[in-house]
C-alpha atoms as a PDB file:
ATOM      1  CA  UNK A   1      -3.124 -10.284  17.646  1.00  0.00           C
ATOM      2  CA  UNK A   2      -3.759  -8.063  14.666  1.00  0.00           C
ATOM      3  CA  UNK A   3      -4.276  -9.699  11.280  1.00  0.00           C
ATOM      4  CA  UNK A   4      -1.460  -7.635   9.697  1.00  0.00           C
ATOM      5  CA  UNK A   5       1.023  -6.761  12.493  1.00  0.00           C
ATOM      6  CA  UNK A   6       4.189  -6.103  10.458  1.00  0.00           C
ATOM      7  CA  UNK A   7       5.067  -2.769   8.875  1.00  0.00           C
ATOM      8  CA  UNK A   8       6.084  -3.358   5.250  1.00  0.00           C
ATOM      9  CA  UNK A   9       8.007  -1.097   2.886  1.00  0.00           C
ATOM     10  CA  UNK A  10       7.947  -1.885  -0.821  1.00  0.00           C
ATOM     11  CA  UNK A  11      10.816  -0.669  -2.975  1.00  0.00           C
ATOM     12  CA  UNK A  12      11.398  -0.362  -6.716  1.00  0.00           C
ATOM     13  CA  UNK A  13      14.727  -0.082  -8.523  1.00  0.00           C
ATOM     14  CA  UNK A  14      15.375   3.129 -10.455  1.00  0.00           C
ATOM     15  CA  UNK A  15      17.808   3.545 -13.333  1.00  0.00           C
ATOM     16  CA  UNK A  16      20.536   6.205 -13.402  1.00  0.00           C
ATOM     17  CA  UNK A  17      19.363   9.519 -14.897  1.00  0.00           C
ATOM     18  CA  UNK A  18      21.220  12.428 -16.469  1.00  0.00           C
ATOM     19  CA  UNK A  19      21.985  15.325 -14.144  1.00  0.00           C
ATOM     20  CA  UNK A  20      21.860  17.759 -17.082  1.00  0.00           C
ATOM     21  CA  UNK A  21      25.558  18.559 -16.802  1.00  0.00           C
ATOM     22  CA  UNK A  22      27.077  15.531 -18.499  1.00  0.00           C
ATOM     23  CA  UNK A  23      26.964  13.305 -15.433  1.00  0.00           C
ATOM     24  CA  UNK A  24      24.468  10.923 -13.934  1.00  0.00           C
ATOM     25  CA  UNK A  25      22.488  10.611 -10.752  1.00  0.00           C
ATOM     26  CA  UNK A  26      22.870   6.981  -9.688  1.00  0.00           C
ATOM     27  CA  UNK A  27      19.849   4.723  -9.610  1.00  0.00           C
ATOM     28  CA  UNK A  28      19.012   2.420  -6.748  1.00  0.00           C
ATOM     29  CA  UNK A  29      16.235   1.086  -4.583  1.00  0.00           C
ATOM     30  CA  UNK A  30      13.672   3.680  -3.505  1.00  0.00           C
ATOM     31  CA  UNK A  31      10.603   3.337  -1.308  1.00  0.00           C
ATOM     32  CA  UNK A  32       7.215   3.161  -2.999  1.00  0.00           C
ATOM     33  CA  UNK A  33       4.584   5.394  -1.411  1.00  0.00           C
ATOM     34  CA  UNK A  34       2.204   2.822   0.055  1.00  0.00           C
ATOM     35  CA  UNK A  35       0.955   4.898   3.050  1.00  0.00           C
ATOM     36  CA  UNK A  36       1.583   2.978   6.291  1.00  0.00           C
ATOM     37  CA  UNK A  37       1.430  -0.476   4.719  1.00  0.00           C
ATOM     38  CA  UNK A  38       1.033  -3.486   6.998  1.00  0.00           C
ATOM     39  CA  UNK A  39       1.165  -7.203   6.272  1.00  0.00           C
ATOM     40  CA  UNK A  40       1.781 -10.554   7.926  1.00  0.00           C
ATOM     41  CA  UNK A  41       5.237 -12.049   7.383  1.00  0.00           C
ATOM     42  CA  UNK A  42       4.913 -15.814   7.851  1.00  0.00           C
ATOM     43  CA  UNK A  43       7.280 -18.775   7.735  1.00  0.00           C
ATOM     44  CA  UNK A  44       6.339 -21.282   5.021  1.00  0.00           C
ATOM     45  CA  UNK A  45       5.505 -24.868   5.904  1.00  0.00           C
ATOM     46  CA  UNK A  46       8.127 -27.555   5.365  1.00  0.00           C
ATOM     47  CA  UNK A  47       5.957 -28.922   2.514  1.00  0.00           C
ATOM     48  CA  UNK A  48       5.953 -25.504   0.783  1.00  0.00           C
ATOM     49  CA  UNK A  49       9.738 -25.256   1.159  1.00  0.00           C
ATOM     50  CA  UNK A  50      10.269 -28.775  -0.211  1.00  0.00           C
ATOM     51  CA  UNK A  51       8.008 -28.188  -3.222  1.00  0.00           C
ATOM     52  CA  UNK A  52       9.662 -24.833  -3.995  1.00  0.00           C
ATOM     53  CA  UNK A  53      13.122 -26.430  -3.950  1.00  0.00           C
ATOM     54  CA  UNK A  54      11.899 -29.194  -6.266  1.00  0.00           C
ATOM     55  CA  UNK A  55      10.801 -26.521  -8.741  1.00  0.00           C
ATOM     56  CA  UNK A  56      14.085 -24.627  -8.203  1.00  0.00           C
ATOM     57  CA  UNK A  57      12.193 -21.587  -6.887  1.00  0.00           C
ATOM     58  CA  UNK A  58      13.216 -21.519  -3.216  1.00  0.00           C
ATOM     59  CA  UNK A  59      11.763 -18.891  -0.915  1.00  0.00           C
ATOM     60  CA  UNK A  60      12.115 -17.994   2.750  1.00  0.00           C
ATOM     61  CA  UNK A  61       8.877 -16.307   3.833  1.00  0.00           C
ATOM     62  CA  UNK A  62       5.290 -15.666   2.766  1.00  0.00           C
ATOM     63  CA  UNK A  63       3.856 -12.174   2.955  1.00  0.00           C
ATOM     64  CA  UNK A  64       0.098 -11.758   3.344  1.00  0.00           C
ATOM     65  CA  UNK A  65      -1.426  -8.305   2.944  1.00  0.00           C
ATOM     66  CA  UNK A  66      -4.765  -6.601   2.208  1.00  0.00           C
ATOM     67  CA  UNK A  67      -5.878  -6.882  -1.427  1.00  0.00           C
ATOM     68  CA  UNK A  68      -4.293  -4.456  -3.872  1.00  0.00           C
ATOM     69  CA  UNK A  69      -3.077  -4.690  -7.461  1.00  0.00           C
ATOM     70  CA  UNK A  70      -0.137  -2.253  -7.511  1.00  0.00           C
ATOM     71  CA  UNK A  71       2.458  -4.679  -6.075  1.00  0.00           C
ATOM     72  CA  UNK A  72       4.566  -6.264  -8.844  1.00  0.00           C
ATOM     73  CA  UNK A  73       7.335  -8.907  -9.011  1.00  0.00           C
ATOM     74  CA  UNK A  74       9.988  -6.281  -9.866  1.00  0.00           C
ATOM     75  CA  UNK A  75       9.657  -4.798  -6.357  1.00  0.00           C
ATOM     76  CA  UNK A  76      11.331  -5.849  -3.152  1.00  0.00           C
ATOM     77  CA  UNK A  77      10.180  -5.737   0.472  1.00  0.00           C
ATOM     78  CA  UNK A  78      11.767  -4.421   3.657  1.00  0.00           C
ATOM     79  CA  UNK A  79      10.122  -5.903   6.747  1.00  0.00           C
ATOM     80  CA  UNK A  80      11.274  -6.709  10.276  1.00  0.00           C
ATOM     81  CA  UNK A  81      14.742  -5.327   9.496  1.00  0.00           C
ATOM     82  CA  UNK A  82      15.363  -7.648   6.537  1.00  0.00           C
ATOM     83  CA  UNK A  83      15.099  -7.211   2.776  1.00  0.00           C
ATOM     84  CA  UNK A  84      13.342  -9.715   0.515  1.00  0.00           C
ATOM     85  CA  UNK A  85      12.812 -10.053  -3.217  1.00  0.00           C
ATOM     86  CA  UNK A  86       9.447 -11.170  -4.556  1.00  0.00           C
ATOM     87  CA  UNK A  87       9.744 -14.688  -5.979  1.00  0.00           C
ATOM     88  CA  UNK A  88       6.550 -14.562  -8.041  1.00  0.00           C
ATOM     89  CA  UNK A  89       3.511 -12.501  -8.873  1.00  0.00           C
ATOM     90  CA  UNK A  90       1.272 -11.800  -5.832  1.00  0.00           C
ATOM     91  CA  UNK A  91      -1.755 -14.113  -5.644  1.00  0.00           C
ATOM     92  CA  UNK A  92      -5.317 -13.297  -4.557  1.00  0.00           C
ATOM     93  CA  UNK A  93      -6.160 -15.801  -1.823  1.00  0.00           C
ATOM     94  CA  UNK A  94      -9.512 -17.404  -2.514  1.00  0.00           C
ATOM     95  CA  UNK A  95     -10.349 -15.019  -5.356  1.00  0.00           C
ATOM     96  CA  UNK A  96     -12.375 -12.769  -3.064  1.00  0.00           C
ATOM     97  CA  UNK A  97     -10.280  -9.576  -3.451  1.00  0.00           C
ATOM     98  CA  UNK A  98      -9.529  -9.587   0.288  1.00  0.00           C
ATOM     99  CA  UNK A  99      -6.042 -10.987   1.026  1.00  0.00           C
ATOM    100  CA  UNK A 100      -2.963 -11.302  -1.168  1.00  0.00           C
ATOM    101  CA  UNK A 101      -0.034 -13.694  -0.724  1.00  0.00           C
ATOM    102  CA  UNK A 102       3.453 -13.477  -2.221  1.00  0.00           C
ATOM    103  CA  UNK A 103       6.488 -15.694  -1.549  1.00  0.00           C
ATOM    104  CA  UNK A 104       9.702 -13.856  -0.638  1.00  0.00           C
ATOM    105  CA  UNK A 105      13.401 -14.725  -0.804  1.00  0.00           C
ATOM    106  CA  UNK A 106      15.849 -13.127   1.633  1.00  0.00           C
ATOM    107  CA  UNK A 107      18.314 -10.786  -0.106  1.00  0.00           C
ATOM    108  CA  UNK A 108      21.852 -11.538   1.003  1.00  0.00           C
ATOM    109  CA  UNK A 109      24.105  -8.700   2.167  1.00  0.00           C
ATOM    110  CA  UNK A 110      25.237  -6.575  -0.753  1.00  0.00           C
ATOM    111  CA  UNK A 111      22.210  -7.671  -2.814  1.00  0.00           C
END
């Protein structure tokens, strides 16, 4: 099994912009150019879920991916046919600039 088997698409929300004719082009979620980005979408342990609920920061999945610094909490993730919001800032696992981890919360329909 590959270390990062899941294709991941990061998205950022854009604001409406003027169309130059008195109207607006609507904003929305657009894909960030991350060039064939792959990660590992994992289910958190029951201990992680319990602790997150205690802190009132529930999440549904963990995403692990190769080290990079351009992923921010204002983005969202599309992976395995579902959309997730980032629950916190991505964390460098072990401080070795190799693998990042970020908790994700499933976005409900219409979100």
